Amino acid sequence: MPSDEIIIETQRIGNILRVAAVDVATATEVVFQAPTTATRAAIERLAASKLRYVLAKGATPKP
């Protein structure tokens, strides 16, 4: 990733968390679900990992 800055938004829906993470440098977004018991650090690691995967595949953000 060109920049390590990621914006993470979480929203509780029942007993899951909806997590949206955006890479600031490329405006690429990933969305995933996590258990409400997940730690903030675990969510941040997973978000960074998913963004690296998407960026490595060459996905471009939708307008």
PDB file of N, CA and C in Angstrom:
ATOM      1  N   MET A   1       0.837  -1.171   0.000  1.00  0.00           N
ATOM      2  CA  MET A   1       0.000   0.000   0.000  1.00  0.00           C
ATOM      3  C   MET A   1       0.882   1.234   0.000  1.00  0.00           C
ATOM      4  N   PRO A   2       0.601   2.198  -0.849  1.00  0.00           N
ATOM      5  CA  PRO A   2       1.397   3.402  -0.881  1.00  0.00           C
ATOM      6  C   PRO A   2       1.333   4.180   0.437  1.00  0.00           C
ATOM      7  N   SER A   3       0.192   4.211   1.082  1.00  0.00           N
ATOM      8  CA  SER A   3       0.015   4.909   2.349  1.00  0.00           C
ATOM      9  C   SER A   3      -0.535   3.922   3.366  1.00  0.00           C
ATOM     10  N   ASP A   4      -0.117   4.103   4.603  1.00  0.00           N
ATOM     11  CA  ASP A   4      -0.624   3.209   5.641  1.00  0.00           C
ATOM     12  C   ASP A   4      -1.868   3.763   6.318  1.00  0.00           C
ATOM     13  N   GLU A   5      -2.369   4.890   5.850  1.00  0.00           N
ATOM     14  CA  GLU A   5      -3.527   5.498   6.493  1.00  0.00           C
ATOM     15  C   GLU A   5      -4.812   4.832   6.016  1.00  0.00           C
ATOM     16  N   ILE A   6      -5.585   4.346   6.978  1.00  0.00           N
ATOM     17  CA  ILE A   6      -6.844   3.659   6.703  1.00  0.00           C
ATOM     18  C   ILE A   6      -7.922   4.272   7.597  1.00  0.00           C
ATOM     19  N   ILE A   7      -9.056   4.543   7.005  1.00  0.00           N
ATOM     20  CA  ILE A   7     -10.211   5.006   7.775  1.00  0.00           C
ATOM     21  C   ILE A   7     -11.105   3.790   8.014  1.00  0.00           C
ATOM     22  N   ILE A   8     -11.451   3.555   9.271  1.00  0.00           N
ATOM     23  CA  ILE A   8     -12.274   2.395   9.626  1.00  0.00           C
ATOM     24  C   ILE A   8     -13.555   2.880  10.300  1.00  0.00           C
ATOM     25  N   GLU A   9     -14.677   2.361   9.811  1.00  0.00           N
ATOM     26  CA  GLU A   9     -15.977   2.677  10.400  1.00  0.00           C
ATOM     27  C   GLU A   9     -16.633   1.373  10.807  1.00  0.00           C
ATOM     28  N   THR A  10     -17.135   1.313  12.026  1.00  0.00           N
ATOM     29  CA  THR A  10     -17.842   0.112  12.480  1.00  0.00           C
ATOM     30  C   THR A  10     -19.272   0.487  12.832  1.00  0.00           C
ATOM     31  N   GLN A  11     -20.160  -0.457  12.568  1.00  0.00           N
ATOM     32  CA  GLN A  11     -21.575  -0.273  12.899  1.00  0.00           C
ATOM     33  C   GLN A  11     -22.085  -1.594  13.451  1.00  0.00           C
ATOM     34  N   ARG A  12     -22.631  -1.545  14.649  1.00  0.00           N
ATOM     35  CA  ARG A  12     -23.179  -2.763  15.251  1.00  0.00           C
ATOM     36  C   ARG A  12     -24.558  -3.045  14.671  1.00  0.00           C
ATOM     37  N   ILE A  13     -24.728  -4.278  14.196  1.00  0.00           N
ATOM     38  CA  ILE A  13     -26.013  -4.737  13.673  1.00  0.00           C
ATOM     39  C   ILE A  13     -26.303  -6.063  14.369  1.00  0.00           C
ATOM     40  N   GLY A  14     -27.149  -6.007  15.375  1.00  0.00           N
ATOM     41  CA  GLY A  14     -27.421  -7.219  16.160  1.00  0.00           C
ATOM     42  C   GLY A  14     -26.169  -7.653  16.893  1.00  0.00           C
ATOM     43  N   ASN A  15     -25.755  -8.902  16.641  1.00  0.00           N
ATOM     44  CA  ASN A  15     -24.555  -9.397  17.327  1.00  0.00           C
ATOM     45  C   ASN A  15     -23.367  -9.521  16.367  1.00  0.00           C
ATOM     46  N   ILE A  16     -23.331  -8.654  15.339  1.00  0.00           N
ATOM     47  CA  ILE A  16     -22.161  -8.570  14.458  1.00  0.00           C
ATOM     48  C   ILE A  16     -21.770  -7.101  14.291  1.00  0.00           C
ATOM     49  N   LEU A  17     -20.556  -6.898  13.833  1.00  0.00           N
ATOM     50  CA  LEU A  17     -20.105  -5.564  13.470  1.00  0.00           C
ATOM     51  C   LEU A  17     -19.945  -5.510  11.954  1.00  0.00           C
ATOM     52  N   ARG A  18     -20.498  -4.486  11.343  1.00  0.00           N
ATOM     53  CA  ARG A  18     -20.256  -4.233   9.924  1.00  0.00           C
ATOM     54  C   ARG A  18     -19.080  -3.275   9.890  1.00  0.00           C
ATOM     55  N   VAL A  19     -18.020  -3.662   9.227  1.00  0.00           N
ATOM     56  CA  VAL A  19     -16.797  -2.871   9.186  1.00  0.00           C
ATOM     57  C   VAL A  19     -16.548  -2.410   7.758  1.00  0.00           C
ATOM     58  N   ALA A  20     -16.369  -1.120   7.587  1.00  0.00           N
ATOM     59  CA  ALA A  20     -15.974  -0.551   6.298  1.00  0.00           C
ATOM     60  C   ALA A  20     -14.613   0.080   6.502  1.00  0.00           C
ATOM     61  N   ALA A  21     -13.671  -0.244   5.620  1.00  0.00           N
ATOM     62  CA  ALA A  21     -12.319   0.299   5.713  1.00  0.00           C
ATOM     63  C   ALA A  21     -11.939   0.906   4.372  1.00  0.00           C
ATOM     64  N   VAL A  22     -11.383   2.106   4.412  1.00  0.00           N
ATOM     65  CA  VAL A  22     -11.019   2.827   3.191  1.00  0.00           C
ATOM     66  C   VAL A  22      -9.536   3.183   3.243  1.00  0.00           C
ATOM     67  N   ASP A  23      -8.819   2.840   2.160  1.00  0.00           N
ATOM     68  CA  ASP A  23      -7.431   3.258   2.003  1.00  0.00           C
ATOM     69  C   ASP A  23      -7.455   4.704   1.526  1.00  0.00           C
ATOM     70  N   VAL A  24      -6.865   5.598   2.297  1.00  0.00           N
ATOM     71  CA  VAL A  24      -6.930   7.026   1.997  1.00  0.00           C
ATOM     72  C   VAL A  24      -6.231   7.355   0.680  1.00  0.00           C
ATOM     73  N   ALA A  25      -5.106   6.733   0.397  1.00  0.00           N
ATOM     74  CA  ALA A  25      -4.320   7.054  -0.794  1.00  0.00           C
ATOM     75  C   ALA A  25      -5.040   6.705  -2.092  1.00  0.00           C
ATOM     76  N   THR A  26      -5.809   5.618  -2.092  1.00  0.00           N
ATOM     77  CA  THR A  26      -6.429   5.144  -3.334  1.00  0.00           C
ATOM     78  C   THR A  26      -7.954   5.209  -3.322  1.00  0.00           C
ATOM     79  N   ALA A  27      -8.545   5.524  -2.187  1.00  0.00           N
ATOM     80  CA  ALA A  27     -10.001   5.547  -2.001  1.00  0.00           C
ATOM     81  C   ALA A  27     -10.635   4.176  -2.236  1.00  0.00           C
ATOM     82  N   THR A  28      -9.860   3.122  -2.068  1.00  0.00           N
ATOM     83  CA  THR A  28     -10.375   1.759  -2.189  1.00  0.00           C
ATOM     84  C   THR A  28     -11.050   1.376  -0.877  1.00  0.00           C
ATOM     85  N   GLU A  29     -12.244   0.772  -0.991  1.00  0.00           N
ATOM     86  CA  GLU A  29     -13.011   0.402   0.193  1.00  0.00           C
ATOM     87  C   GLU A  29     -13.239  -1.100   0.237  1.00  0.00           C
ATOM     88  N   VAL A  30     -13.146  -1.654   1.441  1.00  0.00           N
ATOM     89  CA  VAL A  30     -13.546  -3.040   1.671  1.00  0.00           C
ATOM     90  C   VAL A  30     -14.569  -3.024   2.795  1.00  0.00           C
ATOM     91  N   VAL A  31     -15.501  -3.960   2.733  1.00  0.00           N
ATOM     92  CA  VAL A  31     -16.537  -4.082   3.757  1.00  0.00           C
ATOM     93  C   VAL A  31     -16.586  -5.540   4.186  1.00  0.00           C
ATOM     94  N   PHE A  32     -16.613  -5.764   5.488  1.00  0.00           N
ATOM     95  CA  PHE A  32     -16.687  -7.132   5.997  1.00  0.00           C
ATOM     96  C   PHE A  32     -17.406  -7.135   7.335  1.00  0.00           C
ATOM     97  N   GLN A  33     -17.700  -8.331   7.822  1.00  0.00           N
ATOM     98  CA  GLN A  33     -18.368  -8.495   9.111  1.00  0.00           C
ATOM     99  C   GLN A  33     -17.399  -9.091  10.100  1.00  0.00           C
ATOM    100  N   ALA A  34     -17.561  -8.700  11.348  1.00  0.00           N
ATOM    101  CA  ALA A  34     -16.734  -9.223  12.431  1.00  0.00           C
ATOM    102  C   ALA A  34     -17.635  -9.454  13.641  1.00  0.00           C
ATOM    103  N   PRO A  35     -17.242 -10.371  14.515  1.00  0.00           N
ATOM    104  CA  PRO A  35     -18.041 -10.563  15.729  1.00  0.00           C
ATOM    105  C   PRO A  35     -17.902  -9.349  16.654  1.00  0.00           C
ATOM    106  N   THR A  36     -18.926  -9.101  17.448  1.00  0.00           N
ATOM    107  CA  THR A  36     -18.875  -7.956  18.365  1.00  0.00           C
ATOM    108  C   THR A  36     -17.795  -8.133  19.425  1.00  0.00           C
ATOM    109  N   THR A  37     -17.324  -9.340  19.606  1.00  0.00           N
ATOM    110  CA  THR A  37     -16.279  -9.597  20.595  1.00  0.00           C
ATOM    111  C   THR A  37     -14.871  -9.338  20.049  1.00  0.00           C
ATOM    112  N   ALA A  38     -14.770  -9.034  18.755  1.00  0.00           N
ATOM    113  CA  ALA A  38     -13.454  -8.789  18.160  1.00  0.00           C
ATOM    114  C   ALA A  38     -12.845  -7.510  18.735  1.00  0.00           C
ATOM    115  N   THR A  39     -11.555  -7.550  18.980  1.00  0.00           N
ATOM    116  CA  THR A  39     -10.865  -6.366  19.495  1.00  0.00           C
ATOM    117  C   THR A  39     -10.633  -5.364  18.374  1.00  0.00           C
ATOM    118  N   ARG A  40     -10.432  -4.134  18.744  1.00  0.00           N
ATOM    119  CA  ARG A  40     -10.154  -3.081  17.754  1.00  0.00           C
ATOM    120  C   ARG A  40      -8.881  -3.422  16.974  1.00  0.00           C
ATOM    121  N   ALA A  41      -7.873  -3.935  17.673  1.00  0.00           N
ATOM    122  CA  ALA A  41      -6.612  -4.293  17.019  1.00  0.00           C
ATOM    123  C   ALA A  41      -6.824  -5.393  15.978  1.00  0.00           C
ATOM    124  N   ALA A  42      -7.661  -6.376  16.294  1.00  0.00           N
ATOM    125  CA  ALA A  42      -7.932  -7.462  15.348  1.00  0.00           C
ATOM    126  C   ALA A  42      -8.668  -6.937  14.121  1.00  0.00           C
ATOM    127  N   ILE A  43      -9.613  -6.032  14.335  1.00  0.00           N
ATOM    128  CA  ILE A  43     -10.351  -5.447  13.215  1.00  0.00           C
ATOM    129  C   ILE A  43      -9.412  -4.635  12.333  1.00  0.00           C
ATOM    130  N   GLU A  44      -8.511  -3.869  12.936  1.00  0.00           N
ATOM    131  CA  GLU A  44      -7.557  -3.068  12.166  1.00  0.00           C
ATOM    132  C   GLU A  44      -6.619  -3.952  11.349  1.00  0.00           C
ATOM    133  N   ARG A  45      -6.140  -5.053  11.942  1.00  0.00           N
ATOM    134  CA  ARG A  45      -5.261  -5.989  11.221  1.00  0.00           C
ATOM    135  C   ARG A  45      -5.993  -6.614  10.041  1.00  0.00           C
ATOM    136  N   LEU A  46      -7.230  -7.041  10.261  1.00  0.00           N
ATOM    137  CA  LEU A  46      -8.006  -7.664   9.198  1.00  0.00           C
ATOM    138  C   LEU A  46      -8.315  -6.660   8.086  1.00  0.00           C
ATOM    139  N   ALA A  47      -8.643  -5.433   8.451  1.00  0.00           N
ATOM    140  CA  ALA A  47      -8.927  -4.402   7.463  1.00  0.00           C
ATOM    141  C   ALA A  47      -7.699  -4.124   6.600  1.00  0.00           C
ATOM    142  N   ALA A  48      -6.537  -4.000   7.224  1.00  0.00           N
ATOM    143  CA  ALA A  48      -5.301  -3.756   6.474  1.00  0.00           C
ATOM    144  C   ALA A  48      -4.994  -4.929   5.553  1.00  0.00           C
ATOM    145  N   SER A  49      -5.200  -6.137   6.048  1.00  0.00           N
ATOM    146  CA  SER A  49      -4.944  -7.331   5.245  1.00  0.00           C
ATOM    147  C   SER A  49      -5.876  -7.393   4.032  1.00  0.00           C
ATOM    148  N   LYS A  50      -7.140  -7.127   4.248  1.00  0.00           N
ATOM    149  CA  LYS A  50      -8.107  -7.170   3.143  1.00  0.00           C
ATOM    150  C   LYS A  50      -7.812  -6.071   2.114  1.00  0.00           C
ATOM    151  N   LEU A  51      -7.438  -4.885   2.571  1.00  0.00           N
ATOM    152  CA  LEU A  51      -7.100  -3.817   1.640  1.00  0.00           C
ATOM    153  C   LEU A  51      -5.857  -4.169   0.821  1.00  0.00           C
ATOM    154  N   ARG A  52      -4.842  -4.738   1.462  1.00  0.00           N
ATOM    155  CA  ARG A  52      -3.635  -5.170   0.729  1.00  0.00           C
ATOM    156  C   ARG A  52      -4.006  -6.183  -0.345  1.00  0.00           C
ATOM    157  N   TYR A  53      -4.875  -7.127  -0.014  1.00  0.00           N
ATOM    158  CA  TYR A  53      -5.304  -8.148  -0.960  1.00  0.00           C
ATOM    159  C   TYR A  53      -6.012  -7.526  -2.162  1.00  0.00           C
ATOM    160  N   VAL A  54      -6.965  -6.630  -1.889  1.00  0.00           N
ATOM    161  CA  VAL A  54      -7.727  -5.994  -2.969  1.00  0.00           C
ATOM    162  C   VAL A  54      -6.808  -5.141  -3.842  1.00  0.00           C
ATOM    163  N   LEU A  55      -5.914  -4.380  -3.229  1.00  0.00           N
ATOM    164  CA  LEU A  55      -4.999  -3.541  -3.999  1.00  0.00           C
ATOM    165  C   LEU A  55      -4.022  -4.376  -4.821  1.00  0.00           C
ATOM    166  N   ALA A  56      -3.596  -5.503  -4.289  1.00  0.00           N
ATOM    167  CA  ALA A  56      -2.683  -6.379  -5.020  1.00  0.00           C
ATOM    168  C   ALA A  56      -3.360  -6.993  -6.247  1.00  0.00           C
ATOM    169  N   LYS A  57      -4.677  -7.211  -6.155  1.00  0.00           N
ATOM    170  CA  LYS A  57      -5.412  -7.754  -7.302  1.00  0.00           C
ATOM    171  C   LYS A  57      -5.615  -6.709  -8.384  1.00  0.00           C
ATOM    172  N   GLY A  58      -5.320  -5.470  -8.074  1.00  0.00           N
ATOM    173  CA  GLY A  58      -5.463  -4.420  -9.068  1.00  0.00           C
ATOM    174  C   GLY A  58      -6.870  -3.882  -9.199  1.00  0.00           C
ATOM    175  N   ALA A  59      -7.666  -4.067  -8.186  1.00  0.00           N
ATOM    176  CA  ALA A  59      -9.037  -3.569  -8.216  1.00  0.00           C
ATOM    177  C   ALA A  59      -9.014  -2.042  -8.212  1.00  0.00           C
ATOM    178  N   THR A  60      -9.890  -1.456  -8.984  1.00  0.00           N
ATOM    179  CA  THR A  60      -9.999   0.001  -8.992  1.00  0.00           C
ATOM    180  C   THR A  60     -11.285   0.411  -8.334  1.00  0.00           C
ATOM    181  N   PRO A  61     -11.277   1.552  -7.641  1.00  0.00           N
ATOM    182  CA  PRO A  61     -12.507   1.980  -6.972  1.00  0.00           C
ATOM    183  C   PRO A  61     -13.577   2.362  -7.971  1.00  0.00           C
ATOM    184  N   LYS A  62     -14.820   2.109  -7.604  1.00  0.00           N
ATOM    185  CA  LYS A  62     -15.953   2.462  -8.455  1.00  0.00           C
ATOM    186  C   LYS A  62     -16.292   3.934  -8.226  1.00  0.00           C
ATOM    187  N   PRO A  63     -16.648   4.646  -9.293  1.00  0.00           N
ATOM    188  CA  PRO A  63     -16.982   6.073  -9.129  1.00  0.00           C
ATOM    189  C   PRO A  63     -18.258   6.290  -8.362  1.00  0.00           C
TER     190      PRO A  63
END
